[in-house]
Protein backbone atom coordinates (compact mmCIF):
# COMPACT_ATOMS: atom_id res chain seq x y z
CA MET A 1 172.79 151.89 131.61
CA GLN A 2 170.80 149.82 129.10
CA ARG A 3 167.98 147.85 130.30
CA PRO A 4 167.99 144.02 129.75
CA SER A 5 166.29 142.62 126.69
CA ILE A 6 163.00 140.82 127.18
CA ILE A 7 161.79 139.30 124.02
CA LEU A 8 158.43 137.65 123.15
CA GLY A 9 158.78 134.76 120.75
CA ILE A 10 156.08 133.60 118.41
CA GLU A 11 156.18 130.16 116.53
CA SER A 12 153.78 129.16 113.77
CA SER A 13 155.74 127.63 111.05
CA CYS A 14 153.68 124.30 110.75
CA ASP A 15 151.58 122.57 113.22
CA GLU A 16 152.39 124.00 116.61
CA SER A 17 151.31 127.32 117.90
CA ALA A 18 153.68 128.53 120.64
CA ALA A 19 154.64 131.63 122.50
CA ALA A 20 157.46 132.38 124.92
CA VAL A 21 159.08 135.13 126.83
CA TYR A 22 163.06 135.20 127.10
CA HIS A 23 164.93 137.41 129.48
CA GLU A 24 168.53 138.37 128.56
CA GLU A 25 169.80 137.82 132.11
CA TYR A 26 167.40 135.31 133.77
CA GLY A 27 166.72 133.16 130.68
CA LEU A 28 163.34 131.66 129.94
CA LEU A 29 160.55 133.29 131.91
CA GLY A 30 157.67 131.15 130.33
CA HIS A 31 156.57 129.17 127.34
CA ALA A 32 153.33 127.71 126.17
CA LEU A 33 152.45 125.46 123.15
CA HIS A 34 149.48 124.08 121.45
CA SER A 35 149.89 120.96 119.22
CA GLN A 36 147.70 120.34 116.26
CA VAL A 37 148.11 116.55 116.13
CA ALA A 38 144.51 115.82 116.82
CA LEU A 39 143.39 118.30 114.25
CA HIS A 40 145.39 116.58 111.42
CA ALA A 41 145.22 112.95 112.39
CA ASP A 42 142.24 112.07 110.31
CA TYR A 43 144.10 113.31 107.19
CA GLY A 44 147.40 111.60 107.90
CA GLY A 45 149.41 114.78 107.67
CA VAL A 46 149.34 118.49 107.98
CA VAL A 47 146.63 120.39 106.15
CA PRO A 48 148.02 123.79 105.55
CA GLU A 49 144.70 125.65 105.47
CA LEU A 50 143.48 123.95 108.62
CA ALA A 51 146.93 124.70 110.27
CA SER A 52 146.59 128.50 109.49
CA ARG A 53 143.01 128.67 110.81
CA ASP A 54 144.11 126.97 113.99
CA HIS A 55 147.08 129.26 114.56
CA ILE A 56 144.61 132.26 114.26
CA ARG A 57 142.48 130.73 117.01
CA LYS A 58 145.12 129.69 119.36
CA LEU A 59 148.13 132.19 119.17
CA THR A 60 146.64 135.15 120.87
CA PRO A 61 145.33 133.18 123.93
CA LEU A 62 148.87 131.53 124.21
CA ILE A 63 150.50 134.94 124.15
CA GLU A 64 148.28 136.24 126.81
CA GLN A 65 148.88 133.05 128.81
CA VAL A 66 152.69 133.22 128.52
CA MET A 67 152.80 136.86 129.36
CA ALA A 68 150.76 136.30 132.54
CA ASP A 69 152.99 133.24 133.42
CA ALA A 70 156.10 135.52 133.07
CA GLY A 71 154.59 138.21 135.44
CA GLN A 72 153.62 140.72 132.51
CA PRO A 73 157.19 141.81 131.98
CA GLU A 74 157.91 145.07 130.02
CA LEU A 75 158.94 143.77 126.62
CA THR A 76 161.66 145.24 124.62
CA GLY A 77 160.98 143.30 121.37
CA ILE A 78 159.18 140.74 119.48
CA ALA A 79 160.53 137.75 117.46
CA TYR A 80 158.51 135.59 115.15
CA THR A 81 159.27 132.73 112.79
CA ARG A 82 159.74 134.22 109.33
CA GLY A 83 160.65 130.91 107.71
CA PRO A 84 161.10 128.28 106.51
CA GLY A 85 157.60 126.67 106.76
CA LEU A 86 154.17 126.84 105.43
CA VAL A 87 153.49 130.31 104.18
CA GLY A 88 149.99 130.60 105.40
CA ALA A 89 150.90 129.45 108.88
CA LEU A 90 153.87 131.68 108.94
CA LEU A 91 151.77 134.78 108.01
CA VAL A 92 149.65 134.31 110.98
CA GLY A 93 152.49 134.63 113.38
CA ALA A 94 154.00 137.37 111.31
CA SER A 95 150.88 139.44 111.27
CA ILE A 96 150.26 139.07 115.08
CA ALA A 97 153.89 140.05 115.69
CA ALA A 98 153.60 143.08 113.51
CA GLY A 99 150.35 144.14 115.05
CA LEU A 100 151.64 143.76 118.56
CA GLY A 101 154.85 145.68 117.68
CA MET A 102 152.72 148.42 116.26
CA SER A 103 150.34 148.66 119.11
CA ARG A 104 153.15 148.60 121.89
CA SER A 105 155.72 150.46 119.90
CA LEU A 106 158.01 147.57 119.98
CA PRO A 107 160.76 146.48 117.43
CA VAL A 108 159.96 143.21 115.55
CA LEU A 109 162.28 140.63 114.06
CA GLY A 110 161.63 137.71 111.81
CA VAL A 111 164.03 134.91 112.61
CA HIS A 112 165.03 131.55 110.91
CA HIS A 113 163.15 128.56 112.42
CA MET A 114 166.23 126.26 111.87
CA GLU A 115 168.63 128.64 113.61
CA GLY A 116 166.08 128.31 116.50
CA HIS A 117 166.54 124.61 116.64
CA LEU A 118 170.29 124.80 116.08
CA LEU A 119 170.64 127.15 119.13
CA SER A 120 168.00 125.52 121.22
CA PRO A 121 170.51 123.78 123.50
CA LEU A 122 171.67 127.21 124.61
CA LEU A 123 168.43 127.41 126.58
CA GLU A 124 169.83 124.82 128.97
CA ASP A 125 172.11 125.24 132.06
CA ASP A 126 174.62 122.97 130.53
CA ALA A 127 174.92 124.69 127.15
CA PRO A 128 177.66 123.94 124.56
CA ASP A 129 180.53 126.14 123.80
CA PHE A 130 181.39 127.09 120.25
CA PRO A 131 182.48 125.74 117.98
CA PHE A 132 180.48 122.55 117.66
CA VAL A 133 178.83 120.25 114.92
CA ALA A 134 175.03 120.27 114.90
CA LEU A 135 172.76 117.54 113.43
CA LEU A 136 169.44 119.17 112.69
CA VAL A 137 166.72 116.65 112.05
CA SER A 138 163.46 118.55 112.12
CA GLY A 139 160.42 117.98 109.75
CA GLY A 140 161.67 118.34 106.26
CA HIS A 141 165.29 119.12 107.17
CA THR A 142 168.21 116.85 107.69
CA LEU A 143 171.38 118.94 108.05
CA LEU A 144 174.91 118.61 109.44
CA VAL A 145 176.29 122.01 110.23
CA TYR A 146 179.65 123.31 111.57
CA VAL A 147 178.73 126.18 114.04
CA GLU A 148 181.59 128.65 114.76
CA GLY A 149 179.27 131.10 116.63
CA VAL A 150 175.89 132.59 116.24
CA GLY A 151 175.29 133.30 112.62
CA ARG A 152 178.41 131.59 111.58
CA TYR A 153 177.25 128.46 109.98
CA ARG A 154 178.74 126.13 107.26
CA VAL A 155 176.50 123.31 105.97
CA LEU A 156 178.45 120.21 105.88
CA GLY A 157 175.92 117.74 104.40
CA GLN A 158 172.16 117.49 103.82
CA SER A 159 169.69 115.07 102.53
CA LEU A 160 169.45 114.70 98.77
CA ASP A 161 165.88 113.64 98.84
CA ASP A 162 163.72 112.75 101.81
CA ALA A 163 164.61 114.18 105.19
CA VAL A 164 165.02 111.55 107.92
CA GLY A 165 161.69 112.76 109.67
CA GLU A 166 159.93 112.33 106.24
CA ALA A 167 161.38 108.78 105.80
CA PHE A 168 160.00 107.94 109.41
CA ASP A 169 156.58 109.38 108.53
CA LYS A 170 156.30 107.72 105.19
CA SER A 171 157.60 104.25 106.42
CA ALA A 172 155.09 104.62 109.22
CA LYS A 173 152.23 105.23 106.75
CA MET A 174 153.27 102.09 104.74
CA LEU A 175 153.09 100.13 108.05
CA GLY A 176 149.57 101.42 108.61
CA LEU A 177 150.48 103.35 111.75
CA GLY A 178 148.70 106.52 112.92
CA TYR A 179 149.75 110.13 112.86
CA PRO A 180 152.33 111.40 113.64
CA GLY A 181 154.10 108.51 112.08
CA GLY A 182 157.60 108.96 113.65
CA PRO A 183 156.85 108.40 117.12
CA ALA A 184 154.41 105.67 116.25
CA LEU A 185 157.05 103.71 114.37
CA ALA A 186 159.65 104.27 117.08
CA ALA A 187 157.15 102.85 119.60
CA LEU A 188 156.48 99.76 117.39
CA ALA A 189 160.30 99.33 116.92
CA THR A 190 160.63 98.52 120.55
CA GLU A 191 158.74 95.21 119.94
CA GLY A 192 160.90 94.17 117.09
CA ASN A 193 164.36 92.80 116.12
CA PRO A 194 166.59 95.47 114.62
CA GLU A 195 168.65 92.68 112.86
CA ALA A 196 165.57 91.00 111.29
CA HIS A 197 166.19 92.91 107.97
CA ALA A 198 169.50 93.95 106.40
CA PHE A 199 168.18 97.24 105.20
CA PRO A 200 170.94 99.52 103.55
CA ARG A 201 172.81 102.25 105.39
CA PRO A 202 172.65 104.94 102.62
CA MET A 203 175.73 106.61 101.37
CA LEU A 204 178.13 105.37 104.06
CA ARG A 205 180.47 103.94 101.43
CA ARG A 206 180.61 107.33 99.64
CA ALA A 207 182.81 110.11 100.74
CA GLY A 208 181.12 113.24 101.94
CA LEU A 209 178.46 114.07 104.51
CA ASP A 210 175.12 114.20 102.44
CA PHE A 211 172.18 111.83 103.25
CA SER A 212 169.72 109.96 101.05
CA PHE A 213 166.91 108.02 102.54
CA SER A 214 164.70 107.23 99.47
CA GLY A 215 166.35 103.84 98.87
CA LEU A 216 165.95 102.80 102.58
CA LYS A 217 162.22 103.84 102.15
CA THR A 218 161.94 101.67 99.11
CA ALA A 219 163.56 98.73 100.89
CA VAL A 220 160.97 99.06 103.63
CA MET A 221 158.17 98.99 101.04
CA LEU A 222 159.52 95.80 99.59
CA ALA A 223 159.88 94.18 102.95
CA ILE A 224 156.34 95.12 103.98
CA LYS A 225 155.07 93.45 100.66
CA ALA A 226 157.10 90.23 101.32
CA ALA A 227 156.24 89.94 105.14
CA PRO A 228 153.08 88.52 106.68
CA ASP A 229 150.56 91.08 107.70
CA THR A 230 151.15 90.66 111.48
CA ARG A 231 152.17 93.07 114.21
CA ALA A 232 155.44 91.04 115.00
CA ALA A 233 156.38 91.14 111.32
CA HIS A 234 155.78 94.93 111.11
CA ALA A 235 157.65 95.42 114.40
CA ASP A 236 160.68 93.90 112.97
CA ILE A 237 160.52 96.01 109.85
CA ALA A 238 160.18 99.14 112.07
CA ALA A 239 163.12 98.18 114.21
CA SER A 240 165.24 97.42 111.35
CA PHE A 241 164.33 100.56 109.61
CA GLN A 242 164.98 102.66 112.68
CA GLN A 243 168.55 100.90 113.37
CA ALA A 244 169.41 101.59 109.72
CA VAL A 245 168.64 105.28 110.22
CA VAL A 246 170.40 105.53 113.51
CA ASP A 247 173.53 103.73 112.18
CA THR A 248 173.69 106.18 109.32
CA LEU A 249 173.20 109.16 111.34
CA VAL A 250 175.83 108.27 113.90
CA ALA A 251 178.41 107.46 111.39
CA LYS A 252 177.87 110.67 109.50
CA CYS A 253 178.04 112.65 112.72
CA ALA A 254 181.30 110.98 113.73
CA ARG A 255 182.77 111.73 110.17
CA ALA A 256 181.68 115.36 110.46
CA LEU A 257 183.38 115.67 114.00
CA THR A 258 186.51 114.11 112.71
CA ALA A 259 186.65 116.43 109.50
CA THR A 260 186.10 119.65 111.59
CA GLY A 261 187.96 118.78 114.71
CA ALA A 262 185.01 120.05 116.63
CA PRO A 263 184.91 118.81 120.29
CA ALA A 264 181.11 118.52 120.69
CA LEU A 265 177.89 117.47 118.86
CA VAL A 266 174.52 119.17 119.20
CA VAL A 267 171.41 117.33 118.09
CA ALA A 268 168.25 119.12 117.65
CA GLY A 269 164.76 118.81 115.99
CA GLY A 270 161.99 116.21 116.45
CA VAL A 271 163.90 113.00 115.42
CA GLY A 272 166.46 114.16 118.23
CA ALA A 273 163.85 112.84 120.75
CA ASN A 274 164.33 109.43 119.48
CA THR A 275 165.66 107.25 122.40
CA THR A 276 167.45 104.85 120.09
CA LEU A 277 169.28 107.56 118.48
CA ARG A 278 170.18 109.34 121.76
CA ALA A 279 171.52 105.98 123.11
CA ALA A 280 173.67 105.33 120.07
CA LEU A 281 175.06 108.76 120.03
CA ALA A 282 175.91 108.71 123.79
CA GLU A 283 177.72 105.38 123.17
CA ARG A 284 179.80 106.80 120.34
CA GLY A 285 180.55 109.90 122.17
CA SER A 286 181.82 108.00 125.20
CA ARG A 287 183.98 105.87 122.82
CA ASP A 288 185.26 108.73 120.71
CA GLY A 289 185.48 111.50 123.52
CA PHE A 290 183.19 114.12 121.99
CA GLY A 291 180.68 116.09 124.08
CA LEU A 292 176.93 115.52 123.30
CA TYR A 293 174.16 118.09 123.88
CA PHE A 294 170.39 117.90 123.32
CA PRO A 295 167.74 120.41 124.14
CA ARG A 296 165.01 119.14 126.70
CA LEU A 297 162.49 117.03 125.01
CA ASP A 298 159.97 119.82 125.09
CA PHE A 299 162.29 121.81 122.93
CA CYS A 300 162.92 119.11 120.37
CA THR A 301 159.83 119.68 118.52
CA ASP A 302 158.88 123.24 117.33
CA ASN A 303 158.46 125.77 120.09
CA ALA A 304 158.69 129.52 120.77
CA ALA A 305 161.43 129.35 123.39
CA MET A 306 164.15 129.01 120.72
CA ILE A 307 162.53 131.75 118.68
CA ALA A 308 162.61 134.16 121.63
CA LEU A 309 166.37 133.16 122.30
CA VAL A 310 167.23 133.84 118.66
CA GLY A 311 165.41 137.15 118.95
CA CYS A 312 167.30 138.00 122.00
CA LEU A 313 170.70 137.21 120.39
CA ARG A 314 169.83 139.27 117.33
CA ARG A 315 168.10 142.02 119.18
CA ALA A 316 170.15 144.80 117.49
CA GLU A 317 168.68 143.76 114.10
CA MET A 318 165.08 144.39 115.31
CA THR A 319 163.27 146.81 113.19
CA PRO A 320 161.85 149.90 114.94
CA GLY A 321 158.63 151.53 113.81
CA ILE A 322 155.88 149.61 111.83
CA ALA A 323 157.11 146.18 110.79
CA ALA A 324 156.26 144.34 107.65
CA ALA A 325 154.85 140.86 108.08
CA GLU A 326 157.56 139.22 106.09
CA VAL A 327 157.75 135.44 105.66
CA THR A 328 159.54 132.88 103.33
CA ALA A 329 158.86 129.34 102.66
CA ARG A 330 162.48 128.55 101.82
CA TRP A 331 165.50 130.05 103.56
CA PRO A 332 168.85 128.46 103.33
CA LEU A 333 170.55 128.26 106.68
CA ASP A 334 173.90 129.29 105.43
CA THR A 335 172.75 132.61 104.05
CA LEU A 336 172.46 133.88 107.72
CA ARG A 337 175.24 136.05 109.02
CA PRO A 338 176.47 136.99 112.60
CA PRO A 339 174.21 139.20 114.57
CA ALA A 340 174.84 143.04 114.50
CA ALA A 341 176.65 144.47 117.54
CA VAL A 342 174.34 145.59 120.32
CA PRO A 343 174.71 149.34 121.07
CA ALA A 344 176.37 150.10 124.32
């Protein structure tokens, strides 16, 4: 009888260092995360060299912590984020994974960061069934994906310019808000009137499921220049911008569900934590009759639990022997294939 898979996951794609242990039968045994927000705050964005150096300092202690929290289980493999992401940051996690694999005689697998986000709701007790449509709104990515099963992905639409997270961050910067910009803008929006400015809902009148947020960002810039430099005026701009984004995302999600006939929508990635978006999708789901699934808030942002999960699902692909520390900055999601069959 084959022993159950127990996978250590390592995440270092950008500005979060994380480790987690996932058990094939019992689920998540432990996870730990260190955010670099304070490190990059003075620069208004992620500085790649600083991010890489901080991963070097933080990842090994995090791995030791999560292994202790999980009860020092006997691992069967190690999964790390291979890409997409910052190459230097990715190389730290990949090198640690390769070194641990060699020292412990464990197989190693580099996994796709966005596949982790896409499958992160499977970490929950109330997990969605396949097929479903997924809205991935993480960092520099905005994607609508039809998911037939693990590794069976069809990209339905994507941003043609700025991702929605980038639009939030850049609009926040124009409003003089702190880093990270997205949460700061969302907080300011709670004080404003979402109908104060008639900002465009990009590409809703055009057929298809692609996104474009550069024009909306320009509209925000013009509104800021024309408005008084007061908190109340900025709050109205923030609320109106956020509402335009939410209306666009909700409409595109509904269009994707209709086009595919999928019964459920999964929303993952950092912007998936936005409460206005969650409320609007819940209202639309209640009206249209589709299921709606989110990962818990801890797993909306980058984390290692989702990496360990994907490693477990793809455990048959793990490389025995000495693993290469392979990374890739760009890695299209639709190039992935279904996982290999696990030997009996």
